[in-house]
Amino acid sequence: MSYVDGFIVAVPKKNLEAYRTMAKKAGKVWREHGALDYREWVAEDVKVGKRTSFPRSVKLKPGETVIFSWITYKSRAQRDRVNAKVMADKRLAGMMDTKSLPFDAKRMIYGGFESLVKA
């Protein structure tokens, strides 16, 4: 059964290119260490809801956009092995410092999910 880590972040629009560069590098590292898929998506049709929504979830500010991303693995166990290797990978050392990220990591929403339905 497959496993997915999902993420939602608010990124200042002026930092989108820096975010893209960071994501390409991170995606390459995750894939090299065994992730099956690595995807990053920028909001295009995401409205602010009355109670909940993607923009509300990350406390979106003016001049920011929402990024929705996921990393796919074979299983939770494989994800744990891959992530241990990724976190030890020197190529990402500078990127793991929250001060150098092109977004506010305090507003990032993330979690791991088991597959429920595949249609």
PDB file of N, CA and C in Angstrom:
ATOM      1  N   MET A   1       0.838  -1.178   0.000  1.00  0.00           N
ATOM      2  CA  MET A   1       0.000   0.000   0.000  1.00  0.00           C
ATOM      3  C   MET A   1       0.885   1.244   0.000  1.00  0.00           C
ATOM      4  N   SER A   2       0.599   2.229  -0.845  1.00  0.00           N
ATOM      5  CA  SER A   2       1.439   3.418  -0.943  1.00  0.00           C
ATOM      6  C   SER A   2       1.181   4.380   0.205  1.00  0.00           C
ATOM      7  N   TYR A   3       2.110   5.319   0.351  1.00  0.00           N
ATOM      8  CA  TYR A   3       2.085   6.295   1.438  1.00  0.00           C
ATOM      9  C   TYR A   3       2.471   7.643   0.865  1.00  0.00           C
ATOM     10  N   VAL A   4       1.859   8.713   1.382  1.00  0.00           N
ATOM     11  CA  VAL A   4       2.120  10.058   0.869  1.00  0.00           C
ATOM     12  C   VAL A   4       2.368  11.015   2.023  1.00  0.00           C
ATOM     13  N   ASP A   5       3.379  11.848   1.892  1.00  0.00           N
ATOM     14  CA  ASP A   5       3.544  13.013   2.754  1.00  0.00           C
ATOM     15  C   ASP A   5       2.957  14.185   1.998  1.00  0.00           C
ATOM     16  N   GLY A   6       2.048  14.936   2.625  1.00  0.00           N
ATOM     17  CA  GLY A   6       1.423  16.081   1.984  1.00  0.00           C
ATOM     18  C   GLY A   6       1.794  17.368   2.698  1.00  0.00           C
ATOM     19  N   PHE A   7       1.878  18.457   1.927  1.00  0.00           N
ATOM     20  CA  PHE A   7       2.295  19.753   2.463  1.00  0.00           C
ATOM     21  C   PHE A   7       1.466  20.872   1.846  1.00  0.00           C
ATOM     22  N   ILE A   8       1.185  21.889   2.631  1.00  0.00           N
ATOM     23  CA  ILE A   8       0.582  23.124   2.138  1.00  0.00           C
ATOM     24  C   ILE A   8       1.373  24.265   2.768  1.00  0.00           C
ATOM     25  N   VAL A   9       1.842  25.193   1.945  1.00  0.00           N
ATOM     26  CA  VAL A   9       2.594  26.345   2.442  1.00  0.00           C
ATOM     27  C   VAL A   9       2.134  27.620   1.737  1.00  0.00           C
ATOM     28  N   ALA A  10       2.333  28.731   2.414  1.00  0.00           N
ATOM     29  CA  ALA A  10       2.106  30.049   1.819  1.00  0.00           C
ATOM     30  C   ALA A  10       3.463  30.578   1.374  1.00  0.00           C
ATOM     31  N   VAL A  11       3.554  30.969   0.112  1.00  0.00           N
ATOM     32  CA  VAL A  11       4.818  31.470  -0.433  1.00  0.00           C
ATOM     33  C   VAL A  11       4.587  32.874  -0.979  1.00  0.00           C
ATOM     34  N   PRO A  12       5.407  33.847  -0.564  1.00  0.00           N
ATOM     35  CA  PRO A  12       5.298  35.168  -1.177  1.00  0.00           C
ATOM     36  C   PRO A  12       5.518  35.042  -2.684  1.00  0.00           C
ATOM     37  N   LYS A  13       4.659  35.686  -3.458  1.00  0.00           N
ATOM     38  CA  LYS A  13       4.762  35.593  -4.915  1.00  0.00           C
ATOM     39  C   LYS A  13       6.131  36.037  -5.411  1.00  0.00           C
ATOM     40  N   LYS A  14       6.737  37.008  -4.729  1.00  0.00           N
ATOM     41  CA  LYS A  14       8.068  37.477  -5.128  1.00  0.00           C
ATOM     42  C   LYS A  14       9.135  36.399  -4.910  1.00  0.00           C
ATOM     43  N   ASN A  15       8.824  35.360  -4.114  1.00  0.00           N
ATOM     44  CA  ASN A  15       9.774  34.277  -3.832  1.00  0.00           C
ATOM     45  C   ASN A  15       9.491  33.002  -4.623  1.00  0.00           C
ATOM     46  N   LEU A  16       8.545  33.065  -5.559  1.00  0.00           N
ATOM     47  CA  LEU A  16       8.175  31.842  -6.291  1.00  0.00           C
ATOM     48  C   LEU A  16       9.349  31.224  -7.041  1.00  0.00           C
ATOM     49  N   GLU A  17      10.168  32.027  -7.660  1.00  0.00           N
ATOM     50  CA  GLU A  17      11.305  31.461  -8.403  1.00  0.00           C
ATOM     51  C   GLU A  17      12.304  30.810  -7.451  1.00  0.00           C
ATOM     52  N   ALA A  18      12.557  31.439  -6.314  1.00  0.00           N
ATOM     53  CA  ALA A  18      13.446  30.844  -5.307  1.00  0.00           C
ATOM     54  C   ALA A  18      12.836  29.548  -4.770  1.00  0.00           C
ATOM     55  N   TYR A  19      11.518  29.538  -4.580  1.00  0.00           N
ATOM     56  CA  TYR A  19      10.841  28.330  -4.115  1.00  0.00           C
ATOM     57  C   TYR A  19      10.962  27.224  -5.167  1.00  0.00           C
ATOM     58  N   ARG A  20      10.759  27.584  -6.432  1.00  0.00           N
ATOM     59  CA  ARG A  20      10.862  26.596  -7.515  1.00  0.00           C
ATOM     60  C   ARG A  20      12.267  25.981  -7.542  1.00  0.00           C
ATOM     61  N   THR A  21      13.278  26.812  -7.413  1.00  0.00           N
ATOM     62  CA  THR A  21      14.665  26.326  -7.405  1.00  0.00           C
ATOM     63  C   THR A  21      14.882  25.366  -6.237  1.00  0.00           C
ATOM     64  N   MET A  22      14.414  25.752  -5.047  1.00  0.00           N
ATOM     65  CA  MET A  22      14.543  24.907  -3.868  1.00  0.00           C
ATOM     66  C   MET A  22      13.802  23.584  -4.068  1.00  0.00           C
ATOM     67  N   ALA A  23      12.577  23.648  -4.593  1.00  0.00           N
ATOM     68  CA  ALA A  23      11.755  22.449  -4.774  1.00  0.00           C
ATOM     69  C   ALA A  23      12.372  21.499  -5.793  1.00  0.00           C
ATOM     70  N   LYS A  24      12.933  22.026  -6.871  1.00  0.00           N
ATOM     71  CA  LYS A  24      13.585  21.162  -7.873  1.00  0.00           C
ATOM     72  C   LYS A  24      14.752  20.406  -7.248  1.00  0.00           C
ATOM     73  N   LYS A  25      15.545  21.117  -6.454  1.00  0.00           N
ATOM     74  CA  LYS A  25      16.684  20.487  -5.791  1.00  0.00           C
ATOM     75  C   LYS A  25      16.202  19.434  -4.792  1.00  0.00           C
ATOM     76  N   ALA A  26      15.214  19.797  -3.984  1.00  0.00           N
ATOM     77  CA  ALA A  26      14.681  18.860  -2.988  1.00  0.00           C
ATOM     78  C   ALA A  26      14.070  17.641  -3.670  1.00  0.00           C
ATOM     79  N   GLY A  27      13.312  17.870  -4.734  1.00  0.00           N
ATOM     80  CA  GLY A  27      12.691  16.763  -5.454  1.00  0.00           C
ATOM     81  C   GLY A  27      13.714  15.777  -5.990  1.00  0.00           C
ATOM     82  N   LYS A  28      14.796  16.314  -6.515  1.00  0.00           N
ATOM     83  CA  LYS A  28      15.863  15.450  -7.039  1.00  0.00           C
ATOM     84  C   LYS A  28      16.442  14.584  -5.915  1.00  0.00           C
ATOM     85  N   VAL A  29      16.699  15.205  -4.769  1.00  0.00           N
ATOM     86  CA  VAL A  29      17.278  14.472  -3.643  1.00  0.00           C
ATOM     87  C   VAL A  29      16.301  13.401  -3.145  1.00  0.00           C
ATOM     88  N   TRP A  30      15.020  13.756  -2.963  1.00  0.00           N
ATOM     89  CA  TRP A  30      14.038  12.769  -2.504  1.00  0.00           C
ATOM     90  C   TRP A  30      13.936  11.597  -3.473  1.00  0.00           C
ATOM     91  N   ARG A  31      13.899  11.900  -4.768  1.00  0.00           N
ATOM     92  CA  ARG A  31      13.783  10.823  -5.766  1.00  0.00           C
ATOM     93  C   ARG A  31      15.031   9.938  -5.755  1.00  0.00           C
ATOM     94  N   GLU A  32      16.210  10.550  -5.649  1.00  0.00           N
ATOM     95  CA  GLU A  32      17.454   9.754  -5.615  1.00  0.00           C
ATOM     96  C   GLU A  32      17.489   8.817  -4.415  1.00  0.00           C
ATOM     97  N   HIS A  33      16.848   9.209  -3.327  1.00  0.00           N
ATOM     98  CA  HIS A  33      16.846   8.377  -2.124  1.00  0.00           C
ATOM     99  C   HIS A  33      15.666   7.409  -2.070  1.00  0.00           C
ATOM    100  N   GLY A  34      14.824   7.392  -3.127  1.00  0.00           N
ATOM    101  CA  GLY A  34      13.808   6.361  -3.219  1.00  0.00           C
ATOM    102  C   GLY A  34      12.355   6.800  -3.274  1.00  0.00           C
ATOM    103  N   ALA A  35      12.063   8.086  -3.131  1.00  0.00           N
ATOM    104  CA  ALA A  35      10.667   8.521  -3.258  1.00  0.00           C
ATOM    105  C   ALA A  35      10.169   8.178  -4.659  1.00  0.00           C
ATOM    106  N   LEU A  36       8.927   7.746  -4.765  1.00  0.00           N
ATOM    107  CA  LEU A  36       8.360   7.363  -6.055  1.00  0.00           C
ATOM    108  C   LEU A  36       7.956   8.575  -6.888  1.00  0.00           C
ATOM    109  N   ASP A  37       7.516   9.642  -6.218  1.00  0.00           N
ATOM    110  CA  ASP A  37       7.036  10.826  -6.915  1.00  0.00           C
ATOM    111  C   ASP A  37       7.203  12.030  -6.000  1.00  0.00           C
ATOM    112  N   TYR A  38       7.442  13.189  -6.603  1.00  0.00           N
ATOM    113  CA  TYR A  38       7.588  14.439  -5.858  1.00  0.00           C
ATOM    114  C   TYR A  38       6.892  15.510  -6.683  1.00  0.00           C
ATOM    115  N   ARG A  39       5.851  16.129  -6.124  1.00  0.00           N
ATOM    116  CA  ARG A  39       5.068  17.121  -6.882  1.00  0.00           C
ATOM    117  C   ARG A  39       4.879  18.398  -6.090  1.00  0.00           C
ATOM    118  N   GLU A  40       4.916  19.525  -6.780  1.00  0.00           N
ATOM    119  CA  GLU A  40       4.648  20.842  -6.200  1.00  0.00           C
ATOM    120  C   GLU A  40       3.669  21.548  -7.127  1.00  0.00           C
ATOM    121  N   TRP A  41       2.606  22.100  -6.563  1.00  0.00           N
ATOM    122  CA  TRP A  41       1.559  22.758  -7.341  1.00  0.00           C
ATOM    123  C   TRP A  41       1.301  24.145  -6.770  1.00  0.00           C
ATOM    124  N   VAL A  42       1.157  25.139  -7.640  1.00  0.00           N
ATOM    125  CA  VAL A  42       0.855  26.506  -7.204  1.00  0.00           C
ATOM    126  C   VAL A  42      -0.634  26.775  -7.401  1.00  0.00           C
ATOM    127  N   ALA A  43      -1.249  27.459  -6.431  1.00  0.00           N
ATOM    128  CA  ALA A  43      -2.684  27.731  -6.472  1.00  0.00           C
ATOM    129  C   ALA A  43      -3.059  28.503  -7.729  1.00  0.00           C
ATOM    130  N   GLU A  44      -4.160  28.090  -8.335  1.00  0.00           N
ATOM    131  CA  GLU A  44      -4.672  28.754  -9.525  1.00  0.00           C
ATOM    132  C   GLU A  44      -6.152  29.074  -9.348  1.00  0.00           C
ATOM    133  N   ASP A  45      -6.906  28.181  -8.736  1.00  0.00           N
ATOM    134  CA  ASP A  45      -8.324  28.383  -8.485  1.00  0.00           C
ATOM    135  C   ASP A  45      -8.606  27.999  -7.032  1.00  0.00           C
ATOM    136  N   VAL A  46      -8.164  28.840  -6.116  1.00  0.00           N
ATOM    137  CA  VAL A  46      -8.273  28.564  -4.687  1.00  0.00           C
ATOM    138  C   VAL A  46      -8.898  29.787  -4.023  1.00  0.00           C
ATOM    139  N   LYS A  47     -10.140  29.650  -3.638  1.00  0.00           N
ATOM    140  CA  LYS A  47     -10.862  30.764  -3.030  1.00  0.00           C
ATOM    141  C   LYS A  47     -10.808  30.675  -1.506  1.00  0.00           C
ATOM    142  N   VAL A  48     -10.937  31.830  -0.854  1.00  0.00           N
ATOM    143  CA  VAL A  48     -11.001  31.868   0.600  1.00  0.00           C
ATOM    144  C   VAL A  48     -12.404  31.435   1.019  1.00  0.00           C
ATOM    145  N   GLY A  49     -12.482  30.408   1.830  1.00  0.00           N
ATOM    146  CA  GLY A  49     -13.770  29.916   2.286  1.00  0.00           C
ATOM    147  C   GLY A  49     -14.294  30.694   3.476  1.00  0.00           C
ATOM    148  N   LYS A  50     -15.570  30.495   3.791  1.00  0.00           N
ATOM    149  CA  LYS A  50     -16.167  31.182   4.943  1.00  0.00           C
ATOM    150  C   LYS A  50     -15.604  30.661   6.260  1.00  0.00           C
ATOM    151  N   ARG A  51     -15.352  29.352   6.322  1.00  0.00           N
ATOM    152  CA  ARG A  51     -14.822  28.760   7.555  1.00  0.00           C
ATOM    153  C   ARG A  51     -13.445  28.133   7.359  1.00  0.00           C
ATOM    154  N   THR A  52     -13.318  27.348   6.280  1.00  0.00           N
ATOM    155  CA  THR A  52     -12.046  26.685   6.007  1.00  0.00           C
ATOM    156  C   THR A  52     -11.717  26.796   4.530  1.00  0.00           C
ATOM    157  N   SER A  53     -10.453  26.724   4.216  1.00  0.00           N
ATOM    158  CA  SER A  53      -9.985  26.733   2.829  1.00  0.00           C
ATOM    159  C   SER A  53      -8.465  26.631   2.868  1.00  0.00           C
ATOM    160  N   PHE A  54      -7.874  26.389   1.711  1.00  0.00           N
ATOM    161  CA  PHE A  54      -6.410  26.369   1.651  1.00  0.00           C
ATOM    162  C   PHE A  54      -5.829  27.712   2.101  1.00  0.00           C
ATOM    163  N   PRO A  55      -6.325  28.855   1.601  1.00  0.00           N
ATOM    164  CA  PRO A  55      -5.771  30.136   2.060  1.00  0.00           C
ATOM    165  C   PRO A  55      -5.899  30.336   3.575  1.00  0.00           C
ATOM    166  N   ARG A  56      -7.043  29.971   4.127  1.00  0.00           N
ATOM    167  CA  ARG A  56      -7.216  30.131   5.580  1.00  0.00           C
ATOM    168  C   ARG A  56      -6.278  29.206   6.352  1.00  0.00           C
ATOM    169  N   SER A  57      -6.053  28.006   5.834  1.00  0.00           N
ATOM    170  CA  SER A  57      -5.247  27.020   6.559  1.00  0.00           C
ATOM    171  C   SER A  57      -3.815  27.495   6.792  1.00  0.00           C
ATOM    172  N   VAL A  58      -3.277  28.297   5.866  1.00  0.00           N
ATOM    173  CA  VAL A  58      -1.900  28.784   5.998  1.00  0.00           C
ATOM    174  C   VAL A  58      -1.843  30.267   6.366  1.00  0.00           C
ATOM    175  N   LYS A  59      -3.016  30.830   6.725  1.00  0.00           N
ATOM    176  CA  LYS A  59      -3.100  32.247   7.087  1.00  0.00           C
ATOM    177  C   LYS A  59      -2.491  33.114   5.990  1.00  0.00           C
ATOM    178  N   LEU A  60      -2.962  32.889   4.763  1.00  0.00           N
ATOM    179  CA  LEU A  60      -2.437  33.567   3.581  1.00  0.00           C
ATOM    180  C   LEU A  60      -2.516  35.079   3.747  1.00  0.00           C
ATOM    181  N   LYS A  61      -1.414  35.747   3.412  1.00  0.00           N
ATOM    182  CA  LYS A  61      -1.314  37.197   3.492  1.00  0.00           C
ATOM    183  C   LYS A  61      -1.338  37.783   2.083  1.00  0.00           C
ATOM    184  N   PRO A  62      -1.650  39.072   1.968  1.00  0.00           N
ATOM    185  CA  PRO A  62      -1.598  39.706   0.643  1.00  0.00           C
ATOM    186  C   PRO A  62      -0.210  39.526   0.018  1.00  0.00           C
ATOM    187  N   GLY A  63      -0.187  39.256  -1.274  1.00  0.00           N
ATOM    188  CA  GLY A  63       1.084  39.061  -1.971  1.00  0.00           C
ATOM    189  C   GLY A  63       1.628  37.647  -1.894  1.00  0.00           C
ATOM    190  N   GLU A  64       0.865  36.725  -1.286  1.00  0.00           N
ATOM    191  CA  GLU A  64       1.289  35.330  -1.184  1.00  0.00           C
ATOM    192  C   GLU A  64       0.375  34.436  -2.016  1.00  0.00           C
ATOM    193  N   THR A  65       0.860  33.244  -2.274  1.00  0.00           N
ATOM    194  CA  THR A  65       0.058  32.216  -2.943  1.00  0.00           C
ATOM    195  C   THR A  65       0.233  30.908  -2.185  1.00  0.00           C
ATOM    196  N   VAL A  66      -0.637  29.956  -2.456  1.00  0.00           N
ATOM    197  CA  VAL A  66      -0.598  28.656  -1.784  1.00  0.00           C
ATOM    198  C   VAL A  66       0.129  27.650  -2.670  1.00  0.00           C
ATOM    199  N   ILE A  67       0.989  26.869  -2.055  1.00  0.00           N
ATOM    200  CA  ILE A  67       1.653  25.744  -2.724  1.00  0.00           C
ATOM    201  C   ILE A  67       1.139  24.467  -2.059  1.00  0.00           C
ATOM    202  N   PHE A  68       0.733  23.526  -2.896  1.00  0.00           N
ATOM    203  CA  PHE A  68       0.223  22.228  -2.448  1.00  0.00           C
ATOM    204  C   PHE A  68       1.187  21.188  -3.015  1.00  0.00           C
ATOM    205  N   SER A  69       1.726  20.338  -2.160  1.00  0.00           N
ATOM    206  CA  SER A  69       2.717  19.376  -2.658  1.00  0.00           C
ATOM    207  C   SER A  69       2.599  18.043  -1.939  1.00  0.00           C
ATOM    208  N   TRP A  70       3.189  17.033  -2.590  1.00  0.00           N
ATOM    209  CA  TRP A  70       3.216  15.721  -1.968  1.00  0.00           C
ATOM    210  C   TRP A  70       4.414  14.932  -2.465  1.00  0.00           C
ATOM    211  N   ILE A  71       4.796  13.977  -1.632  1.00  0.00           N
ATOM    212  CA  ILE A  71       5.872  13.033  -1.956  1.00  0.00           C
ATOM    213  C   ILE A  71       5.289  11.645  -1.744  1.00  0.00           C
ATOM    214  N   THR A  72       5.432  10.782  -2.745  1.00  0.00           N
ATOM    215  CA  THR A  72       4.840   9.445  -2.691  1.00  0.00           C
ATOM    216  C   THR A  72       5.922   8.393  -2.425  1.00  0.00           C
ATOM    217  N   TYR A  73       5.554   7.420  -1.607  1.00  0.00           N
ATOM    218  CA  TYR A  73       6.456   6.328  -1.225  1.00  0.00           C
ATOM    219  C   TYR A  73       5.719   4.993  -1.370  1.00  0.00           C
ATOM    220  N   LYS A  74       6.469   3.899  -1.306  1.00  0.00           N
ATOM    221  CA  LYS A  74       5.875   2.562  -1.361  1.00  0.00           C
ATOM    222  C   LYS A  74       5.085   2.259  -0.090  1.00  0.00           C
ATOM    223  N   SER A  75       5.592   2.740   1.056  1.00  0.00           N
ATOM    224  CA  SER A  75       4.983   2.432   2.351  1.00  0.00           C
ATOM    225  C   SER A  75       5.472   3.433   3.388  1.00  0.00           C
ATOM    226  N   ARG A  76       4.880   3.382   4.570  1.00  0.00           N
ATOM    227  CA  ARG A  76       5.337   4.243   5.672  1.00  0.00           C
ATOM    228  C   ARG A  76       6.772   3.898   6.042  1.00  0.00           C
ATOM    229  N   ALA A  77       7.086   2.617   6.078  1.00  0.00           N
ATOM    230  CA  ALA A  77       8.444   2.190   6.437  1.00  0.00           C
ATOM    231  C   ALA A  77       9.459   2.707   5.420  1.00  0.00           C
ATOM    232  N   GLN A  78       9.113   2.631   4.135  1.00  0.00           N
ATOM    233  CA  GLN A  78      10.017   3.132   3.108  1.00  0.00           C
ATOM    234  C   GLN A  78      10.151   4.647   3.224  1.00  0.00           C
ATOM    235  N   ARG A  79       9.050   5.340   3.530  1.00  0.00           N
ATOM    236  CA  ARG A  79       9.095   6.785   3.725  1.00  0.00           C
ATOM    237  C   ARG A  79      10.050   7.152   4.854  1.00  0.00           C
ATOM    238  N   ASP A  80       9.986   6.412   5.957  1.00  0.00           N
ATOM    239  CA  ASP A  80      10.863   6.701   7.091  1.00  0.00           C
ATOM    240  C   ASP A  80      12.332   6.511   6.712  1.00  0.00           C
ATOM    241  N   ARG A  81      12.622   5.470   5.940  1.00  0.00           N
ATOM    242  CA  ARG A  81      14.007   5.229   5.489  1.00  0.00           C
ATOM    243  C   ARG A  81      14.459   6.348   4.544  1.00  0.00           C
ATOM    244  N   VAL A  82      13.615   6.701   3.584  1.00  0.00           N
ATOM    245  CA  VAL A  82      13.957   7.756   2.615  1.00  0.00           C
ATOM    246  C   VAL A  82      14.188   9.066   3.346  1.00  0.00           C
ATOM    247  N   ASN A  83      13.275   9.448   4.230  1.00  0.00           N
ATOM    248  CA  ASN A  83      13.407  10.731   4.918  1.00  0.00           C
ATOM    249  C   ASN A  83      14.651  10.794   5.794  1.00  0.00           C
ATOM    250  N   ALA A  84      15.038   9.687   6.404  1.00  0.00           N
ATOM    251  CA  ALA A  84      16.281   9.665   7.193  1.00  0.00           C
ATOM    252  C   ALA A  84      17.479   9.969   6.293  1.00  0.00           C
ATOM    253  N   LYS A  85      17.491   9.380   5.103  1.00  0.00           N
ATOM    254  CA  LYS A  85      18.585   9.637   4.156  1.00  0.00           C
ATOM    255  C   LYS A  85      18.553  11.077   3.661  1.00  0.00           C
ATOM    256  N   VAL A  86      17.354  11.580   3.377  1.00  0.00           N
ATOM    257  CA  VAL A  86      17.218  12.960   2.878  1.00  0.00           C
ATOM    258  C   VAL A  86      17.709  13.949   3.935  1.00  0.00           C
ATOM    259  N   MET A  87      17.308  13.756   5.169  1.00  0.00           N
ATOM    260  CA  MET A  87      17.695  14.687   6.230  1.00  0.00           C
ATOM    261  C   MET A  87      19.210  14.668   6.471  1.00  0.00           C
ATOM    262  N   ALA A  88      19.870  13.580   6.141  1.00  0.00           N
ATOM    263  CA  ALA A  88      21.321  13.485   6.302  1.00  0.00           C
ATOM    264  C   ALA A  88      22.075  13.948   5.049  1.00  0.00           C
ATOM    265  N   ASP A  89      21.373  14.212   3.976  1.00  0.00           N
ATOM    266  CA  ASP A  89      22.003  14.578   2.705  1.00  0.00           C
ATOM    267  C   ASP A  89      22.554  16.005   2.778  1.00  0.00           C
ATOM    268  N   LYS A  90      23.830  16.137   2.549  1.00  0.00           N
ATOM    269  CA  LYS A  90      24.526  17.437   2.645  1.00  0.00           C
ATOM    270  C   LYS A  90      24.008  18.464   1.641  1.00  0.00           C
ATOM    271  N   ARG A  91      23.454  17.999   0.528  1.00  0.00           N
ATOM    272  CA  ARG A  91      22.955  18.936  -0.487  1.00  0.00           C
ATOM    273  C   ARG A  91      21.796  19.778   0.017  1.00  0.00           C
ATOM    274  N   LEU A  92      21.099  19.304   1.028  1.00  0.00           N
ATOM    275  CA  LEU A  92      19.957  20.049   1.555  1.00  0.00           C
ATOM    276  C   LEU A  92      20.261  20.763   2.866  1.00  0.00           C
ATOM    277  N   ALA A  93      21.496  20.681   3.327  1.00  0.00           N
ATOM    278  CA  ALA A  93      21.863  21.243   4.632  1.00  0.00           C
ATOM    279  C   ALA A  93      21.439  22.704   4.773  1.00  0.00           C
ATOM    280  N   GLY A  94      21.750  23.547   3.816  1.00  0.00           N
ATOM    281  CA  GLY A  94      21.400  24.961   3.896  1.00  0.00           C
ATOM    282  C   GLY A  94      19.913  25.210   3.781  1.00  0.00           C
ATOM    283  N   MET A  95      19.217  24.325   3.083  1.00  0.00           N
ATOM    284  CA  MET A  95      17.787  24.505   2.872  1.00  0.00           C
ATOM    285  C   MET A  95      16.975  24.141   4.109  1.00  0.00           C
ATOM    286  N   MET A  96      17.532  23.396   5.018  1.00  0.00           N
ATOM    287  CA  MET A  96      16.780  22.974   6.191  1.00  0.00           C
ATOM    288  C   MET A  96      16.769  24.036   7.289  1.00  0.00           C
ATOM    289  N   ASP A  97      17.530  25.099   7.102  1.00  0.00           N
ATOM    290  CA  ASP A  97      17.532  26.218   8.036  1.00  0.00           C
ATOM    291  C   ASP A  97      16.300  27.076   7.753  1.00  0.00           C
ATOM    292  N   THR A  98      15.379  27.155   8.697  1.00  0.00           N
ATOM    293  CA  THR A  98      14.113  27.850   8.445  1.00  0.00           C
ATOM    294  C   THR A  98      14.305  29.327   8.119  1.00  0.00           C
ATOM    295  N   LYS A  99      15.405  29.924   8.510  1.00  0.00           N
ATOM    296  CA  LYS A  99      15.645  31.342   8.207  1.00  0.00           C
ATOM    297  C   LYS A  99      15.950  31.569   6.728  1.00  0.00           C
ATOM    298  N   SER A 100      16.448  30.559   6.037  1.00  0.00           N
ATOM    299  CA  SER A 100      16.820  30.726   4.630  1.00  0.00           C
ATOM    300  C   SER A 100      15.729  30.254   3.665  1.00  0.00           C
ATOM    301  N   LEU A 101      14.637  29.719   4.181  1.00  0.00           N
ATOM    302  CA  LEU A 101      13.559  29.233   3.313  1.00  0.00           C
ATOM    303  C   LEU A 101      12.811  30.401   2.667  1.00  0.00           C
ATOM    304  N   PRO A 102      12.319  30.215   1.437  1.00  0.00           N
ATOM    305  CA  PRO A 102      11.572  31.284   0.762  1.00  0.00           C
ATOM    306  C   PRO A 102      10.096  31.333   1.173  1.00  0.00           C
ATOM    307  N   PHE A 103       9.765  30.794   2.344  1.00  0.00           N
ATOM    308  CA  PHE A 103       8.395  30.807   2.877  1.00  0.00           C
ATOM    309  C   PHE A 103       8.479  30.710   4.396  1.00  0.00           C
ATOM    310  N   ASP A 104       7.368  30.972   5.071  1.00  0.00           N
ATOM    311  CA  ASP A 104       7.298  30.908   6.525  1.00  0.00           C
ATOM    312  C   ASP A 104       6.965  29.484   6.949  1.00  0.00           C
ATOM    313  N   ALA A 105       7.965  28.761   7.412  1.00  0.00           N
ATOM    314  CA  ALA A 105       7.784  27.352   7.784  1.00  0.00           C
ATOM    315  C   ALA A 105       6.829  27.179   8.965  1.00  0.00           C
ATOM    316  N   LYS A 106       6.626  28.216   9.757  1.00  0.00           N
ATOM    317  CA  LYS A 106       5.710  28.119  10.894  1.00  0.00           C
ATOM    318  C   LYS A 106       4.264  27.958  10.449  1.00  0.00           C
ATOM    319  N   ARG A 107       3.967  28.359   9.209  1.00  0.00           N
ATOM    320  CA  ARG A 107       2.596  28.242   8.702  1.00  0.00           C
ATOM    321  C   ARG A 107       2.426  27.045   7.773  1.00  0.00           C
ATOM    322  N   MET A 108       3.432  26.194   7.691  1.00  0.00           N
ATOM    323  CA  MET A 108       3.337  25.003   6.848  1.00  0.00           C
ATOM    324  C   MET A 108       2.455  23.959   7.535  1.00  0.00           C
ATOM    325  N   ILE A 109       1.596  23.331   6.735  1.00  0.00           N
ATOM    326  CA  ILE A 109       0.763  22.230   7.218  1.00  0.00           C
ATOM    327  C   ILE A 109       1.264  20.973   6.519  1.00  0.00           C
ATOM    328  N   TYR A 110       1.463  19.915   7.267  1.00  0.00           N
ATOM    329  CA  TYR A 110       1.991  18.690   6.655  1.00  0.00           C
ATOM    330  C   TYR A 110       1.539  17.473   7.441  1.00  0.00           C
ATOM    331  N   GLY A 111       1.619  16.339   6.788  1.00  0.00           N
ATOM    332  CA  GLY A 111       1.280  15.088   7.447  1.00  0.00           C
ATOM    333  C   GLY A 111       1.479  13.913   6.513  1.00  0.00           C
ATOM    334  N   GLY A 112       1.482  12.718   7.080  1.00  0.00           N
ATOM    335  CA  GLY A 112       1.630  11.483   6.313  1.00  0.00           C
ATOM    336  C   GLY A 112       0.292  10.781   6.208  1.00  0.00           C
ATOM    337  N   PHE A 113       0.039  10.193   5.021  1.00  0.00           N
ATOM    338  CA  PHE A 113      -1.257   9.589   4.738  1.00  0.00           C
ATOM    339  C   PHE A 113      -1.095   8.218   4.085  1.00  0.00           C
ATOM    340  N   GLU A 114      -1.905   7.253   4.550  1.00  0.00           N
ATOM    341  CA  GLU A 114      -1.985   5.951   3.910  1.00  0.00           C
ATOM    342  C   GLU A 114      -3.021   6.002   2.796  1.00  0.00           C
ATOM    343  N   SER A 115      -2.819   5.203   1.784  1.00  0.00           N
ATOM    344  CA  SER A 115      -3.772   5.123   0.680  1.00  0.00           C
ATOM    345  C   SER A 115      -5.092   4.534   1.173  1.00  0.00           C
ATOM    346  N   LEU A 116      -6.195   5.145   0.753  1.00  0.00           N
ATOM    347  CA  LEU A 116      -7.529   4.655   1.101  1.00  0.00           C
ATOM    348  C   LEU A 116      -8.277   4.144  -0.123  1.00  0.00           C
ATOM    349  N   VAL A 117      -8.219   4.917  -1.210  1.00  0.00           N
ATOM    350  CA  VAL A 117      -8.907   4.548  -2.461  1.00  0.00           C
ATOM    351  C   VAL A 117      -8.008   4.885  -3.629  1.00  0.00           C
ATOM    352  N   LYS A 118      -7.917   3.980  -4.577  1.00  0.00           N
ATOM    353  CA  LYS A 118      -7.243   4.248  -5.842  1.00  0.00           C
ATOM    354  C   LYS A 118      -8.223   3.833  -6.926  1.00  0.00           C
ATOM    355  N   ALA A 119      -8.695   4.801  -7.701  1.00  0.00           N
ATOM    356  CA  ALA A 119      -9.717   4.521  -8.720  1.00  0.00           C
ATOM    357  C   ALA A 119      -9.111   4.546 -10.114  1.00  0.00           C
TER     358      ALA A 119
END
